[in-house]
Protein backbone atom coordinates (compact mmCIF):
# COMPACT_ATOMS: atom_id res chain seq x y z
CA UNK A 1 -26.77 2.53 3.47
CA UNK A 2 -26.95 3.40 -0.22
CA UNK A 3 -23.79 5.55 -0.13
CA UNK A 4 -21.96 2.88 1.85
CA UNK A 5 -22.81 0.25 -0.76
CA UNK A 6 -21.75 2.49 -3.63
CA UNK A 7 -18.45 3.32 -1.92
CA UNK A 8 -17.93 -0.37 -1.20
CA UNK A 9 -18.37 -1.17 -4.90
CA UNK A 10 -15.70 1.39 -5.76
CA UNK A 11 -13.34 0.28 -2.98
CA UNK A 12 -13.29 -3.48 -3.59
CA UNK A 13 -11.70 -3.45 -7.09
CA UNK A 14 -9.13 -0.90 -5.91
CA UNK A 15 -8.27 -3.06 -2.89
CA UNK A 16 -7.97 -6.29 -4.89
CA UNK A 17 -5.84 -4.74 -7.63
CA UNK A 18 -3.63 -2.75 -5.23
CA UNK A 19 -2.86 -5.69 -2.93
CA UNK A 20 -2.19 -7.98 -5.90
CA UNK A 21 0.07 -5.43 -7.59
CA UNK A 22 2.01 -4.96 -4.33
CA UNK A 23 2.65 -8.69 -3.90
CA UNK A 24 3.38 -9.27 -7.57
CA UNK A 25 5.99 -6.50 -7.38
CA UNK A 26 7.75 -8.40 -4.57
CA UNK A 27 7.60 -11.61 -6.61
CA UNK A 28 8.87 -9.92 -9.78
CA UNK A 29 11.76 -8.19 -8.01
CA UNK A 30 12.85 -11.46 -6.42
CA UNK A 31 12.54 -13.28 -9.74
CA UNK A 32 14.66 -10.63 -11.48
CA UNK A 33 17.31 -11.13 -8.81
CA UNK A 34 17.48 -14.83 -9.67
CA UNK A 35 15.02 -16.36 -7.20
CA UNK A 36 12.38 -18.60 -8.89
CA UNK A 37 10.52 -19.41 -5.63
CA UNK A 38 7.62 -16.96 -5.93
CA UNK A 39 7.09 -17.69 -9.62
CA UNK A 40 7.11 -21.44 -8.98
CA UNK A 41 4.44 -20.99 -6.30
CA UNK A 42 2.21 -18.91 -8.58
CA UNK A 43 2.78 -15.56 -6.85
CA UNK A 44 4.06 -13.78 -9.98
CA UNK A 45 0.42 -13.05 -10.78
CA UNK A 46 -2.27 -10.38 -10.57
CA UNK A 47 -4.81 -12.98 -9.47
CA UNK A 48 -6.07 -11.72 -6.06
CA UNK A 49 -6.79 -15.28 -4.90
CA UNK A 50 -3.05 -15.97 -4.95
CA UNK A 51 -2.31 -13.11 -2.55
CA UNK A 52 -5.19 -12.18 -0.25
CA UNK A 53 -4.93 -12.52 3.51
CA UNK A 54 -8.44 -12.48 5.06
CA UNK A 55 -7.52 -10.37 8.10
CA UNK A 56 -5.32 -7.94 6.17
CA UNK A 57 -7.95 -7.46 3.47
CA UNK A 58 -10.70 -6.89 6.05
CA UNK A 59 -8.49 -4.32 7.81
CA UNK A 60 -8.00 -2.50 4.52
CA UNK A 61 -11.73 -2.50 3.76
CA UNK A 62 -12.54 -1.07 7.21
CA UNK A 63 -9.70 1.45 7.37
CA UNK A 64 -10.21 2.88 3.89
CA UNK A 65 -13.33 4.67 5.13
CA UNK A 66 -11.15 6.66 7.54
CA UNK A 67 -9.21 8.00 4.55
CA UNK A 68 -6.07 6.03 5.42
CA UNK A 69 -6.38 2.53 4.02
CA UNK A 70 -3.83 0.23 5.63
CA UNK A 71 -3.75 -3.56 5.33
CA UNK A 72 -1.68 -6.44 4.02
CA UNK A 73 -1.72 -9.63 1.94
CA UNK A 74 0.01 -12.99 2.32
CA UNK A 75 3.81 -12.53 2.33
CA UNK A 76 5.53 -13.59 -0.89
CA UNK A 77 7.91 -16.51 -0.22
CA UNK A 78 11.47 -15.73 -1.28
CA UNK A 79 14.83 -17.48 -1.02
CA UNK A 80 17.55 -14.84 -0.55
CA UNK A 81 20.28 -17.45 -1.08
CA UNK A 82 19.74 -16.86 -4.81
CA UNK A 83 20.73 -13.19 -4.49
CA UNK A 84 24.28 -12.10 -5.19
CA UNK A 85 24.09 -9.86 -2.14
CA UNK A 86 21.72 -11.13 0.57
CA UNK A 87 21.15 -7.81 2.32
CA UNK A 88 20.85 -5.65 -0.77
CA UNK A 89 18.61 -8.16 -2.54
CA UNK A 90 16.29 -8.47 0.46
CA UNK A 91 16.01 -4.68 0.69
CA UNK A 92 15.25 -4.31 -3.04
CA UNK A 93 12.53 -6.98 -2.92
CA UNK A 94 11.02 -5.41 0.22
CA UNK A 95 10.97 -1.92 -1.30
CA UNK A 96 9.34 -3.18 -4.51
CA UNK A 97 5.93 -3.54 -2.81
CA UNK A 98 5.59 -0.05 -1.32
CA UNK A 99 7.10 1.53 -4.45
CA UNK A 100 4.53 -0.27 -6.62
CA UNK A 101 1.76 1.27 -4.50
CA UNK A 102 3.28 4.73 -4.82
CA UNK A 103 3.37 4.22 -8.59
CA UNK A 104 -0.33 3.31 -8.67
CA UNK A 105 -1.22 6.26 -6.43
CA UNK A 106 0.81 8.59 -8.66
CA UNK A 107 -0.81 7.35 -11.89
CA UNK A 108 -4.36 7.63 -10.51
CA UNK A 109 -3.66 11.04 -8.98
CA UNK A 110 -3.75 12.58 -12.46
CA UNK A 111 -7.35 11.82 -13.49
CA UNK A 112 -8.38 12.53 -9.90
CA UNK A 113 -6.72 15.96 -9.91
CA UNK A 114 -7.79 16.88 -13.44
CA UNK A 115 -11.46 16.23 -12.75
CA UNK A 116 -11.41 17.86 -9.32
CA UNK A 117 -9.59 20.97 -10.62
CA UNK A 118 -12.10 21.22 -13.47
CA UNK A 119 -14.83 21.37 -10.83
CA UNK A 120 -13.13 24.18 -8.90
CA UNK A 121 -11.22 22.34 -6.15
CA UNK A 122 -7.74 23.50 -5.20
CA UNK A 123 -4.65 21.30 -4.84
CA UNK A 124 -4.55 21.57 -1.04
CA UNK A 125 -7.96 19.86 -0.96
CA UNK A 126 -7.59 17.51 -3.93
CA UNK A 127 -4.49 15.71 -2.67
CA UNK A 128 -5.39 15.74 1.03
CA UNK A 129 -6.80 12.36 2.10
CA UNK A 130 -8.55 13.89 5.10
CA UNK A 131 -11.11 15.46 2.79
CA UNK A 132 -13.92 13.09 1.84
CA UNK A 133 -14.36 13.94 -1.83
CA UNK A 134 -16.60 11.57 -3.79
CA UNK A 135 -19.26 12.20 -6.42
CA UNK A 136 -22.74 10.72 -6.01
CA UNK A 137 -23.69 10.77 -9.68
CA UNK A 138 -23.07 8.00 -12.20
CA UNK A 139 -21.68 10.10 -15.02
CA UNK A 140 -18.49 8.83 -16.68
CA UNK A 141 -16.56 11.71 -15.10
CA UNK A 142 -17.88 10.93 -11.61
CA UNK A 143 -17.12 7.22 -11.92
CA UNK A 144 -13.59 7.91 -13.16
CA UNK A 145 -12.98 10.36 -10.32
CA UNK A 146 -14.26 8.00 -7.62
CA UNK A 147 -12.21 5.07 -8.92
CA UNK A 148 -9.11 7.26 -9.12
CA UNK A 149 -9.73 8.66 -5.63
CA UNK A 150 -9.95 5.21 -4.08
CA UNK A 151 -6.81 4.02 -5.84
CA UNK A 152 -5.03 7.16 -4.62
CA UNK A 153 -6.14 6.77 -0.99
CA UNK A 154 -5.58 3.03 -0.74
CA UNK A 155 -2.18 2.94 -2.37
CA UNK A 156 -0.64 5.75 -0.37
CA UNK A 157 -1.96 4.06 2.76
CA UNK A 158 -0.49 0.69 1.74
CA UNK A 159 2.89 2.20 0.90
CA UNK A 160 3.22 4.15 4.15
CA UNK A 161 1.89 1.32 6.33
CA UNK A 162 4.13 -1.34 4.83
CA UNK A 163 7.28 0.75 5.13
CA UNK A 164 6.94 0.80 8.94
CA UNK A 165 10.00 -1.10 10.27
CA UNK A 166 8.00 -3.57 12.37
CA UNK A 167 8.03 -7.31 11.54
CA UNK A 168 6.62 -8.74 9.36
CA UNK A 169 6.03 -5.52 7.35
CA UNK A 170 8.30 -4.65 4.41
CA UNK A 171 10.09 -1.96 6.37
CA UNK A 172 11.45 -4.57 8.80
CA UNK A 173 13.22 -6.37 5.92
CA UNK A 174 14.92 -3.13 4.91
CA UNK A 175 16.49 -3.11 8.38
CA UNK A 176 18.72 -5.92 7.07
CA UNK A 177 20.73 -3.27 5.23
CA UNK A 178 21.30 -0.96 8.19
CA UNK A 179 21.48 -3.35 11.17
CA UNK A 180 24.37 -5.71 11.95
CA UNK A 181 23.47 -9.25 10.87
CA UNK A 182 23.41 -10.55 14.44
CA UNK A 183 20.97 -7.84 15.57
CA UNK A 184 18.76 -8.25 12.50
CA UNK A 185 18.42 -12.02 12.71
CA UNK A 186 17.92 -11.75 16.46
CA UNK A 187 14.96 -9.45 15.81
CA UNK A 188 13.55 -11.71 13.08
CA UNK A 189 13.47 -14.63 15.50
CA UNK A 190 10.54 -12.89 17.17
CA UNK A 191 8.81 -11.88 13.92
CA UNK A 192 5.71 -13.99 14.56
CA UNK A 193 5.25 -12.69 18.11
CA UNK A 194 5.82 -9.07 17.10
CA UNK A 195 3.25 -9.54 14.35
CA UNK A 196 0.68 -10.79 16.86
CA UNK A 197 1.35 -7.82 19.15
CA UNK A 198 0.93 -5.51 16.15
CA UNK A 199 -2.45 -7.06 15.34
CA UNK A 200 -3.61 -6.70 18.94
CA UNK A 201 -2.43 -3.10 19.05
CA UNK A 202 -4.23 -2.26 15.80
CA UNK A 203 -7.43 -3.81 17.10
CA UNK A 204 -7.34 -1.83 20.36
CA UNK A 205 -5.61 1.42 19.34
CA UNK A 206 -6.08 1.75 15.58
CA UNK A 207 -6.37 5.54 15.89
CA UNK A 208 -2.80 5.80 17.17
CA UNK A 209 -1.51 4.02 14.06
CA UNK A 210 -3.32 6.49 11.83
CA UNK A 211 -1.81 9.36 13.81
CA UNK A 212 1.70 7.93 13.45
CA UNK A 213 1.24 7.36 9.72
CA UNK A 214 -0.26 10.79 9.01
CA UNK A 215 2.95 12.91 8.73
CA UNK A 216 4.50 10.41 6.30
CA UNK A 217 1.30 10.09 4.33
CA UNK A 218 0.97 13.86 4.16
CA UNK A 219 4.56 14.17 2.94
CA UNK A 220 3.74 11.87 0.01
CA UNK A 221 0.55 13.80 -0.74
CA UNK A 222 2.43 17.11 -0.76
CA UNK A 223 5.03 15.65 -3.13
CA UNK A 224 2.31 14.47 -5.51
CA UNK A 225 0.62 17.85 -5.22
CA UNK A 226 3.87 19.60 -6.15
CA UNK A 227 4.42 17.37 -9.17
CA UNK A 228 0.78 17.67 -10.18
CA UNK A 229 0.92 21.47 -10.04
CA UNK A 230 3.82 21.44 -12.52
CA UNK A 231 1.93 19.26 -15.00
CA UNK A 232 -1.79 19.98 -14.61
C-alpha cells in the first residue's frame, strides 16, 4: 500500500502536466494556423481543469502501472474553415498532440538515463518500459529519477495511443490527408459510435490494446536509446 501511494504521488503530476501539454499543443497549432476557437474557449492553457476527461484520466492512472500509460483528455474544439488548407491544417493540429508528448518523453529521458547509467543499468534496460525501475528512497537523485521515469512512460504511451487511426483519436484526423474526402467524412459520421465501441473494447480486452501498441512503443524507445547513447 505504501509503494502504491508513493507511485501514485509521482504519477499524478506527470499525468496532469502531460495531458495538459498535449491538449495545449493542439490548441496552439490551431491558433497558429489562424483559428481562434480554442484560445477563445480557454484551451490554450496548461491548466488541467480546462482539459481533463474523467474517464480518460482514470484510464491513464490505471494503465500507467502496466508500464504503458494510455488515456485521453477532452478534445480541443477547432474550426478548420480558418485553415488555408483544410486537410493539411487538420493533420498538423492532430499531430501536434502526440509530438508534444514525444518531446516531453525525450526531454525527461535524459535525467532518467543519466541517473540509471550512473547506478550501473544498461541502455537496453533503462529505456525499456517493461522493466519496473523505481527508487524507494527520498534522496534528490531518487526523486528526480522517479519523476523522469513517469514522464517518460506516460508520454510515450500517450503519443503511441493517440496516433492510432481510430476515431476520435488524433490518428483518425490524420486520415483526412490520405483518404478521399468522401470516405473520410463518411467515417467521421460514425465517430461517436466508434468511440463507444473503443471504450467497450478497452474495458473488456485492454491487454490486446497493450499488445498492439507494444511494437510502436518499443520502436520509439529504441530510437531514444540510440540518441541517448550518442549523447550520454
